[in-house]
Protein backbone atom coordinates (compact mmCIF):
# COMPACT_ATOMS: atom_id res chain seq x y z
CA UNK A 1 -14.20 -9.12 5.12
CA UNK A 2 -12.85 -6.14 3.05
CA UNK A 3 -15.05 -4.99 0.50
CA UNK A 4 -13.89 -2.54 -2.32
CA UNK A 5 -17.56 -0.78 -2.26
CA UNK A 6 -17.26 3.12 -1.39
CA UNK A 7 -19.66 4.21 1.27
CA UNK A 8 -22.48 6.45 0.39
CA UNK A 9 -22.72 10.02 1.71
CA UNK A 10 -25.80 8.85 3.78
CA UNK A 11 -23.84 5.78 5.33
CA UNK A 12 -20.85 8.39 6.23
CA UNK A 13 -23.38 10.45 8.11
CA UNK A 14 -24.77 7.51 9.80
CA UNK A 15 -21.36 6.51 11.13
CA UNK A 16 -20.56 9.91 12.44
CA UNK A 17 -23.43 10.09 14.43
CA UNK A 18 -22.76 6.81 16.05
CA UNK A 19 -21.72 7.40 19.85
CA UNK A 20 -18.34 6.78 20.77
CA UNK A 21 -17.97 4.93 24.45
CA UNK A 22 -14.94 5.78 26.25
CA UNK A 23 -14.23 3.63 29.36
CA UNK A 24 -11.52 3.00 31.63
CA UNK A 25 -10.37 0.23 29.39
CA UNK A 26 -10.46 2.29 26.15
CA UNK A 27 -10.23 5.84 27.18
CA UNK A 28 -10.23 9.01 24.99
CA UNK A 29 -6.76 9.91 23.74
CA UNK A 30 -5.00 12.96 23.81
CA UNK A 31 -3.37 14.53 20.49
CA UNK A 32 0.01 14.03 22.36
CA UNK A 33 -0.80 10.48 22.87
CA UNK A 34 -1.86 9.78 19.59
CA UNK A 35 1.39 11.39 17.92
CA UNK A 36 3.62 9.42 20.02
CA UNK A 37 1.84 5.94 19.10
CA UNK A 38 3.73 3.23 17.19
CA UNK A 39 2.69 -0.03 15.69
CA UNK A 40 3.24 -2.93 17.88
CA UNK A 41 5.20 -4.72 15.14
CA UNK A 42 6.62 -2.02 12.44
CA UNK A 43 6.65 -4.63 9.85
CA UNK A 44 3.17 -5.12 9.69
CA UNK A 45 2.88 -1.13 8.31
CA UNK A 46 5.47 -1.56 5.47
CA UNK A 47 3.22 -0.75 2.57
CA UNK A 48 4.66 -1.20 -0.76
CA UNK A 49 3.31 -0.65 -4.35
CA UNK A 50 0.46 -3.01 -5.25
CA UNK A 51 1.66 -5.36 -8.02
CA UNK A 52 -0.42 -6.01 -10.94
CA UNK A 53 -0.25 -9.16 -13.36
CA UNK A 54 0.03 -8.23 -16.84
CA UNK A 55 0.84 -9.63 -20.19
CA UNK A 56 3.30 -7.61 -22.30
CA UNK A 57 5.43 -8.03 -25.34
CA UNK A 58 9.15 -7.46 -24.96
CA UNK A 59 11.81 -7.89 -27.60
CA UNK A 60 13.31 -11.32 -27.21
CA UNK A 61 16.92 -9.67 -27.02
CA UNK A 62 15.68 -7.27 -24.07
CA UNK A 63 14.15 -10.13 -22.24
CA UNK A 64 17.11 -12.40 -22.73
CA UNK A 65 19.52 -9.56 -21.11
CA UNK A 66 17.43 -9.37 -18.29
CA UNK A 67 17.32 -12.95 -17.85
CA UNK A 68 21.10 -13.36 -18.06
CA UNK A 69 21.46 -12.03 -14.68
CA UNK A 70 19.78 -14.96 -13.30
CA UNK A 71 16.90 -15.02 -10.98
CA UNK A 72 14.93 -11.76 -10.34
CA UNK A 73 14.67 -10.62 -13.99
CA UNK A 74 11.06 -9.42 -13.37
CA UNK A 75 12.06 -7.40 -10.36
CA UNK A 76 15.10 -6.00 -12.44
CA UNK A 77 12.68 -5.01 -15.25
CA UNK A 78 10.21 -3.35 -12.72
CA UNK A 79 13.36 -1.49 -11.31
CA UNK A 80 14.38 -0.35 -14.54
CA UNK A 81 10.95 1.09 -15.51
CA UNK A 82 10.55 2.68 -11.91
CA UNK A 83 13.91 4.67 -12.69
CA UNK A 84 12.64 5.76 -16.10
CA UNK A 85 9.23 6.69 -14.52
CA UNK A 86 11.38 8.70 -11.64
CA UNK A 87 13.28 10.53 -14.00
CA UNK A 88 10.40 11.84 -16.13
CA UNK A 89 9.03 13.57 -13.29
């Protein structure tokens, strides 16, 4: 289970003191070995922006224009907003 609670400084220190047991099956890796590591399935590592559900009031003609392009109008609205955001620096 994933929790959103932050770890306390005391808990972080406790974790840092916990001994790491390296074995034949889980040896200590060198910096070079770590640098060369790749995920078994790269698709699992594709992380995109988190989507948030919201309610927004948009002029009817603006919404009609985006909807006139067919399915995916919310994606097109998001893309337009992202372009404005990128231009504003």
